[in-house]
Amino acid sequence: MKVRKFLKWTGLSLLLILILLGVWQRELVAYGWLQLKGQLRVVNNAIPLEEFLELPGTTEEQKEKIQIILEAKTFAFEKLGINESDNYSTIYDQEGKPSMYVVTACDPYFFRARMWSFPIVGSVPYKGFFDLEKAREEAKQIQEQEELEVDIRTAGGWSTLGWFKDPVLSNMLNRSEGDLASLIIHELTHGTLFVKDSVTFNENLASFIGDKGAILFLEDKYGIGSEEVISFKNGLKDEIKFKDFMLGSAQYLDSVYRAMVDLPLSEKERLKSEAMKQIVNNYDTVDFASTLYKGYFEKRQPKNTYFMSMLRYNGQQQELERQLQEDFEGDLLAYLNYLKKRFPSL
C-alpha cells in the first residue's frame, strides 16, 4: 500500500510540475508544439532517395543532383571528419515553396541582436517558423512592442542536430554542384559540432567547412585545376567580394552607431539614412565578374538585421582561415577533429 501510495503521489507531483511549467512557459510550449508539428510534417512526408529516383516525374538533372548529395555525404564522412548519420537519405517535396521562415530582429541604431532562449541550444538570434503567418505575427509583435528592426527570411536548409533525420529539401536540387555540396557539408557540420550559446561560431564554422569541403570534394572528383573546380572557385571569388563589402559596411555602420549614442532620435535617423545611402552608392563600384550580385540593392533596402546576419555567418572567416593554415597546414580533417575535441557539442 505504501509503495502504491508513493507512486500515486509521485505521479501527481510530476503532473503538477508539468502543468506549472506549461503555464509558466506557455508561449515556449506553444511555439515548441507548432515547431514539432511542422518538423514532423516534413519528416513524415519525406520519402527515401531511392524511391524518389524511381518516380516517373523525377528528371535526369534531379537524379544527377541526388547522386551529388550521396557523393558529398560519403566524402564528408570519409575525408572531412564529419560524423556519420542518416541525414539527407530522404527527400521532402517543397512544391517550389519555402519550408521555413526565420525571424530576426535588431536595435535600429545599434548592432545588438534580439535573442531568443530555448532549451538545449541556449540563446540564439533568430526564431524559425514553418508557418509564414506565424512568422509575420512574431515580427509584428516585436516591431510594435519592442520597437526593433525586424526581418523575415527563408531558410535554404536547417539541421535538427540529430533530433530528427533531416531530409533533402527539393529546392536544394536547383543549386549548382559546388553550391549543393557546400550546403550539405554545412548542415552536416552542424550535426557534428554545435556549441551551446555560440551561434556566431557555429554558423561561421559551418560556412567555412562547407565551402572548403566543397572545393576538396570537387578536386577529389574531377581533379585539381579541373574546369569544375575553377568554375566553383570563380563563383566563390564574387561571393567573397560581396561578403567583404557587406562586412566592411557593417563595420562602418557600427562606428556610425557608436558615435551617435547620445544624439536625439531625429538626428540618429538622419545619420543612419545617410550612412545607408553611402553604402548603396559604394556597392555599385564593386567589380563583380558575374551578374549574380549586381544590382543587389535595387530590389531591397539595406537593414541592420541583414548586416547582423552577415556578421553571424561570415564575420570570423579570416580567423578560421588563419588557424587552418598556420596551425594545421591547411589540413581540414585535422582542424575539424581538433575542434571536435576542444569544444563540447550538443
Protein backbone atom coordinates (compact mmCIF):
# COMPACT_ATOMS: atom_id res chain seq x y z
CA MET A 1 0.00 0.00 0.00
CA LYS A 2 2.80 2.40 0.92
CA VAL A 3 4.54 1.76 -2.41
CA ARG A 4 1.31 2.32 -4.36
CA LYS A 5 0.60 5.48 -2.39
CA PHE A 6 4.13 6.72 -3.03
CA LEU A 7 3.84 6.06 -6.76
CA LYS A 8 0.47 7.80 -6.86
CA TRP A 9 1.75 10.92 -5.16
CA THR A 10 4.90 10.86 -7.28
CA GLY A 11 2.81 10.71 -10.44
CA LEU A 12 0.54 13.51 -9.27
CA SER A 13 3.55 15.63 -8.30
CA LEU A 14 5.16 15.17 -11.73
CA LEU A 15 1.87 16.02 -13.43
CA LEU A 16 1.55 19.17 -11.31
CA ILE A 17 5.11 20.18 -12.18
CA LEU A 18 4.40 19.71 -15.90
CA ILE A 19 1.21 21.78 -15.62
CA LEU A 20 3.04 24.57 -13.79
CA LEU A 21 5.83 24.54 -16.37
CA GLY A 22 3.23 24.67 -19.13
CA VAL A 23 1.58 27.73 -17.54
CA TRP A 24 4.88 29.43 -16.74
CA GLN A 25 6.35 28.84 -20.18
CA ARG A 26 3.12 28.64 -22.16
CA GLU A 27 4.46 30.69 -25.07
CA LEU A 28 7.56 28.48 -25.34
CA VAL A 29 5.46 25.33 -25.05
CA ALA A 30 3.03 26.58 -27.72
CA TYR A 31 5.89 27.50 -30.03
CA GLY A 32 7.60 24.17 -29.44
CA TRP A 33 4.38 22.34 -30.30
CA LEU A 34 4.00 24.27 -33.55
CA GLN A 35 7.61 23.55 -34.49
CA LEU A 36 7.25 19.89 -33.63
CA LYS A 37 4.17 19.60 -35.84
CA GLY A 38 5.94 21.39 -38.68
CA GLN A 39 9.05 19.24 -38.38
CA LEU A 40 7.02 16.04 -38.20
CA ARG A 41 5.08 17.10 -41.30
CA VAL A 42 8.34 17.44 -43.19
CA VAL A 43 9.85 14.21 -41.84
CA ASN A 44 6.69 12.13 -42.27
CA ASN A 45 6.16 13.30 -45.85
CA ALA A 46 9.77 12.74 -46.88
CA ILE A 47 10.50 9.66 -48.96
CA PRO A 48 13.75 7.67 -49.36
CA LEU A 49 16.04 8.97 -52.08
CA GLU A 50 15.90 5.56 -53.75
CA GLU A 51 12.13 5.87 -54.04
CA PHE A 52 12.42 9.44 -55.37
CA LEU A 53 14.82 8.28 -58.07
CA GLU A 54 12.24 5.76 -59.30
CA LEU A 55 9.37 8.25 -59.57
CA PRO A 56 8.26 8.83 -63.20
CA GLY A 57 8.36 12.61 -62.73
CA THR A 58 11.98 12.74 -61.50
CA THR A 59 14.14 14.41 -64.15
CA GLU A 60 17.63 13.35 -65.17
CA GLU A 61 19.00 16.59 -63.70
CA GLN A 62 17.36 15.83 -60.36
CA LYS A 63 18.82 12.33 -60.42
CA GLU A 64 22.26 13.82 -61.01
CA LYS A 65 21.81 16.19 -58.04
CA ILE A 66 20.78 13.29 -55.79
CA GLN A 67 23.95 11.48 -56.82
CA ILE A 68 25.97 14.58 -55.94
CA ILE A 69 24.39 14.65 -52.48
CA LEU A 70 25.24 10.99 -51.89
CA GLU A 71 28.81 11.55 -53.08
CA ALA A 72 29.23 14.69 -50.96
CA LYS A 73 27.97 12.86 -47.87
CA THR A 74 30.37 9.97 -48.38
CA PHE A 75 33.26 12.38 -48.95
CA ALA A 76 32.36 14.39 -45.82
CA PHE A 77 32.21 11.25 -43.67
CA GLU A 78 35.40 9.69 -45.02
CA LYS A 79 37.63 12.69 -45.74
CA LEU A 80 36.48 15.65 -43.60
CA GLY A 81 35.80 14.16 -40.18
CA ILE A 82 32.05 14.77 -40.35
CA ASN A 83 30.14 12.41 -38.03
CA GLU A 84 28.27 9.73 -39.94
CA SER A 85 24.47 9.93 -39.84
CA ASP A 86 21.36 9.03 -41.83
CA ASN A 87 20.68 12.69 -42.59
CA TYR A 88 19.87 13.55 -46.21
CA SER A 89 18.91 10.00 -47.11
CA THR A 90 15.29 11.10 -47.69
CA ILE A 91 13.74 13.98 -49.64
CA TYR A 92 10.81 16.29 -48.94
CA ASP A 93 8.90 17.87 -51.84
CA GLN A 94 8.54 21.60 -51.13
CA GLU A 95 6.44 22.05 -54.26
CA GLY A 96 8.61 25.04 -55.08
CA LYS A 97 7.72 26.83 -51.83
CA PRO A 98 9.89 27.77 -48.83
CA SER A 99 9.68 25.31 -45.95
CA MET A 100 10.83 27.53 -43.11
CA TYR A 101 10.78 31.24 -42.34
CA VAL A 102 13.28 32.85 -39.99
CA VAL A 103 12.58 35.97 -37.92
CA THR A 104 15.49 38.17 -36.85
CA ALA A 105 15.44 41.48 -35.01
CA CYS A 106 17.94 44.17 -34.10
CA ASP A 107 18.19 47.54 -32.39
CA PRO A 108 17.55 50.17 -35.13
CA TYR A 109 20.54 52.30 -34.09
CA PHE A 110 22.95 49.75 -32.70
CA PHE A 111 24.24 46.31 -33.66
CA ARG A 112 22.55 44.45 -30.84
CA ALA A 113 20.51 41.43 -31.93
CA ARG A 114 17.29 40.37 -30.30
CA MET A 115 17.89 36.96 -28.63
CA TRP A 116 15.56 34.03 -28.03
CA SER A 117 16.29 31.38 -25.41
CA PHE A 118 15.47 27.72 -25.96
CA PRO A 119 16.18 24.51 -24.08
CA ILE A 120 19.36 22.65 -25.06
CA VAL A 121 20.64 25.09 -27.74
CA GLY A 122 20.58 28.12 -25.41
CA SER A 123 20.30 31.68 -26.70
CA VAL A 124 20.01 32.24 -30.45
CA PRO A 125 19.49 35.43 -32.53
CA TYR A 126 16.70 34.03 -34.71
CA LYS A 127 13.41 32.17 -34.48
CA GLY A 128 12.19 29.75 -37.12
CA PHE A 129 8.63 29.07 -38.22
CA PHE A 130 7.10 26.57 -40.63
CA ASP A 131 4.07 28.86 -40.93
CA LEU A 132 4.58 32.22 -42.69
CA GLU A 133 1.64 33.84 -40.91
CA LYS A 134 3.05 32.87 -37.51
CA ALA A 135 6.39 34.39 -38.54
CA ARG A 136 4.63 37.59 -39.56
CA GLU A 137 2.74 37.71 -36.25
CA GLU A 138 6.00 37.34 -34.33
CA ALA A 139 7.70 40.03 -36.43
CA LYS A 140 4.77 42.45 -36.00
CA GLN A 141 4.64 41.92 -32.25
CA ILE A 142 8.37 42.55 -31.84
CA GLN A 143 8.25 45.62 -34.05
CA GLU A 144 5.32 47.15 -32.17
CA GLN A 145 6.14 46.16 -28.60
CA GLU A 146 9.93 46.28 -28.61
CA GLU A 147 10.43 48.89 -31.37
CA LEU A 148 13.12 46.84 -33.06
CA GLU A 149 14.02 46.50 -36.72
CA VAL A 150 12.65 43.13 -37.86
CA ASP A 151 13.19 40.94 -40.90
CA ILE A 152 11.82 37.64 -42.21
CA ARG A 153 13.93 35.44 -44.48
CA THR A 154 13.57 31.94 -45.84
CA ALA A 155 15.86 29.06 -44.88
CA GLY A 156 17.51 27.04 -47.64
CA GLY A 157 18.21 24.25 -45.16
CA TRP A 158 18.47 23.52 -41.48
CA SER A 159 19.80 20.94 -39.06
CA THR A 160 17.86 19.42 -36.16
CA LEU A 161 21.19 18.36 -34.56
CA GLY A 162 20.22 14.70 -34.56
CA TRP A 163 16.71 15.04 -33.14
CA PHE A 164 15.21 14.07 -36.49
CA LYS A 165 16.54 12.54 -39.70
CA ASP A 166 17.00 15.70 -41.74
CA PRO A 167 15.70 15.32 -45.31
CA VAL A 168 16.93 16.83 -48.53
CA LEU A 169 14.60 19.71 -49.43
CA SER A 170 13.56 19.56 -53.08
CA ASN A 171 14.53 23.21 -53.69
CA MET A 172 18.13 22.25 -52.88
CA LEU A 173 18.25 20.42 -56.21
CA ASN A 174 18.13 23.78 -58.02
CA ARG A 175 21.67 24.56 -56.84
CA SER A 176 24.86 24.05 -58.80
CA GLU A 177 27.06 21.07 -57.91
CA GLY A 178 29.52 23.07 -55.81
CA ASP A 179 26.83 25.06 -54.01
CA LEU A 180 24.85 21.90 -53.29
CA ALA A 181 27.89 20.12 -51.87
CA SER A 182 28.72 23.18 -49.76
CA LEU A 183 25.18 23.33 -48.34
CA ILE A 184 25.09 19.62 -47.47
CA ILE A 185 28.50 19.79 -45.79
CA HIS A 186 27.44 23.00 -43.97
CA GLU A 187 24.38 21.31 -42.45
CA LEU A 188 26.25 18.09 -41.67
CA THR A 189 28.84 20.20 -39.82
CA HIS A 190 26.08 21.45 -37.51
CA GLY A 191 25.25 17.84 -36.70
CA THR A 192 28.92 17.20 -35.95
CA LEU A 193 29.79 20.25 -33.84
CA PHE A 194 27.29 22.70 -32.38
CA VAL A 195 28.32 24.64 -29.28
CA LYS A 196 25.62 25.92 -26.94
CA ASP A 197 25.13 29.72 -26.82
CA SER A 198 27.69 30.15 -29.64
CA VAL A 199 25.61 30.74 -32.78
CA THR A 200 28.16 33.05 -34.44
CA PHE A 201 30.93 30.46 -34.06
CA ASN A 202 28.64 27.62 -35.15
CA GLU A 203 27.42 29.38 -38.30
CA ASN A 204 30.85 30.70 -39.25
CA LEU A 205 32.40 27.26 -38.83
CA ALA A 206 29.67 25.52 -40.85
CA SER A 207 30.02 28.08 -43.66
CA PHE A 208 33.80 27.72 -43.59
CA ILE A 209 33.81 23.90 -43.59
CA GLY A 210 31.05 23.90 -46.22
CA ASP A 211 32.96 25.98 -48.77
CA LYS A 212 36.37 24.45 -48.06
CA GLY A 213 34.88 20.98 -48.09
CA ALA A 214 33.10 21.59 -51.39
CA ILE A 215 36.39 22.59 -53.07
CA LEU A 216 38.09 19.44 -51.77
CA PHE A 217 35.11 17.36 -52.89
CA LEU A 218 35.27 18.75 -56.43
CA GLU A 219 39.06 18.35 -56.56
CA ASP A 220 38.74 14.73 -55.43
CA LYS A 221 36.04 14.06 -58.03
CA TYR A 222 37.35 15.99 -61.04
CA GLY A 223 40.98 16.76 -60.23
CA ILE A 224 42.86 19.85 -59.08
CA GLY A 225 42.71 22.54 -61.74
CA SER A 226 39.69 20.99 -63.44
CA GLU A 227 37.05 23.16 -65.10
CA GLU A 228 34.53 22.26 -62.38
CA VAL A 229 36.89 23.34 -59.60
CA ILE A 230 37.89 26.56 -61.35
CA SER A 231 34.25 27.45 -62.03
CA PHE A 232 33.28 26.95 -58.37
CA LYS A 233 36.29 28.91 -57.13
CA ASN A 234 35.50 31.76 -59.52
CA GLY A 235 31.97 31.84 -58.14
CA LEU A 236 33.41 31.99 -54.64
CA LYS A 237 35.55 34.98 -55.63
CA ASP A 238 32.44 37.04 -56.34
CA GLU A 239 30.82 35.72 -53.18
CA ILE A 240 33.87 36.74 -51.17
CA LYS A 241 33.81 40.22 -52.75
CA PHE A 242 30.15 40.53 -51.81
CA LYS A 243 30.70 39.36 -48.24
CA ASP A 244 33.79 41.54 -47.78
CA PHE A 245 31.80 44.57 -48.90
CA MET A 246 28.93 43.76 -46.55
CA LEU A 247 31.23 43.07 -43.62
CA GLY A 248 33.11 46.32 -44.26
CA SER A 249 29.78 48.15 -44.44
CA ALA A 250 28.75 46.57 -41.15
CA GLN A 251 31.94 47.85 -39.51
CA TYR A 252 31.28 51.31 -40.95
CA LEU A 253 27.71 51.30 -39.66
CA ASP A 254 28.88 50.11 -36.25
CA SER A 255 31.23 53.10 -36.00
CA VAL A 256 28.40 55.45 -37.01
CA TYR A 257 26.07 54.00 -34.40
CA ARG A 258 28.64 54.14 -31.62
CA ALA A 259 29.29 57.82 -32.34
CA MET A 260 25.62 58.83 -32.08
CA VAL A 261 24.56 57.10 -28.86
CA ASP A 262 23.56 60.29 -27.05
CA LEU A 263 22.04 62.14 -30.02
CA PRO A 264 18.28 62.85 -30.43
CA LEU A 265 16.24 60.26 -32.30
CA SER A 266 15.71 62.51 -35.33
CA GLU A 267 19.47 63.04 -35.67
CA LYS A 268 20.12 59.30 -35.33
CA GLU A 269 17.68 58.60 -38.12
CA ARG A 270 19.28 61.23 -40.37
CA LEU A 271 22.80 59.89 -39.84
CA LYS A 272 21.65 56.30 -40.33
CA SER A 273 19.86 57.21 -43.56
CA GLU A 274 22.94 58.97 -44.90
CA ALA A 275 25.15 56.01 -43.98
CA MET A 276 22.82 53.55 -45.72
CA LYS A 277 22.74 55.71 -48.87
CA GLN A 278 26.52 55.80 -48.93
CA ILE A 279 26.65 52.01 -48.65
CA VAL A 280 24.24 51.61 -51.58
CA ASN A 281 26.23 54.07 -53.71
CA ASN A 282 29.54 52.37 -52.88
CA TYR A 283 28.13 48.96 -53.74
CA ASP A 284 27.83 49.96 -57.39
CA THR A 285 31.61 50.41 -57.52
CA VAL A 286 32.36 46.75 -56.68
CA ASP A 287 33.69 44.90 -59.73
CA PHE A 288 31.83 41.58 -59.88
CA ALA A 289 32.75 39.11 -62.61
CA SER A 290 29.20 37.73 -62.91
CA THR A 291 25.76 39.34 -62.79
CA LEU A 292 24.67 37.37 -59.71
CA TYR A 293 25.42 40.12 -57.20
CA LYS A 294 24.96 43.16 -59.42
CA GLY A 295 22.06 45.48 -58.61
CA TYR A 296 21.58 43.83 -55.21
CA PHE A 297 20.09 46.92 -53.57
CA GLU A 298 17.77 47.70 -56.44
CA LYS A 299 15.25 45.21 -55.04
CA ARG A 300 15.87 45.62 -51.31
CA GLN A 301 16.81 48.23 -48.75
CA PRO A 302 19.84 47.65 -46.50
CA LYS A 303 18.79 46.81 -42.95
CA ASN A 304 20.61 46.21 -39.68
CA THR A 305 19.19 42.71 -39.48
CA TYR A 306 20.87 41.79 -42.74
CA PHE A 307 24.26 43.16 -41.72
CA MET A 308 23.95 41.33 -38.40
CA SER A 309 23.26 38.12 -40.33
CA MET A 310 26.37 38.66 -42.46
CA LEU A 311 28.47 39.06 -39.30
CA ARG A 312 26.84 35.98 -37.78
CA TYR A 313 27.64 33.72 -40.73
CA ASN A 314 30.85 35.24 -42.08
CA GLY A 315 32.49 37.58 -39.56
CA GLN A 316 35.05 35.01 -38.35
CA GLN A 317 36.11 33.53 -41.69
CA GLN A 318 39.55 35.16 -41.74
CA GLU A 319 40.37 33.89 -38.25
CA LEU A 320 39.25 30.37 -39.15
CA GLU A 321 41.39 30.52 -42.31
CA ARG A 322 44.37 31.71 -40.27
CA GLN A 323 44.02 28.84 -37.79
CA LEU A 324 43.64 26.29 -40.59
CA GLN A 325 46.76 27.44 -42.43
CA GLU A 326 49.05 28.34 -39.53
CA ASP A 327 48.15 25.65 -37.01
CA PHE A 328 47.12 22.76 -39.27
CA GLU A 329 48.96 23.49 -42.56
CA GLY A 330 45.67 23.55 -44.45
CA ASP A 331 44.57 20.08 -43.28
CA LEU A 332 40.79 20.48 -42.90
CA LEU A 333 40.33 16.98 -41.45
CA ALA A 334 42.89 17.60 -38.71
CA TYR A 335 41.37 21.02 -37.98
CA LEU A 336 37.82 19.72 -37.56
CA ASN A 337 39.00 16.79 -35.43
CA TYR A 338 40.81 19.27 -33.20
CA LEU A 339 37.69 21.45 -32.85
CA LYS A 340 35.56 18.39 -32.05
CA LYS A 341 37.87 17.52 -29.16
CA ARG A 342 38.21 21.09 -27.93
CA PHE A 343 34.55 22.14 -27.81
CA PRO A 344 31.65 20.33 -26.14
CA SER A 345 28.94 19.72 -28.72
CA LEU A 346 25.20 19.29 -28.39
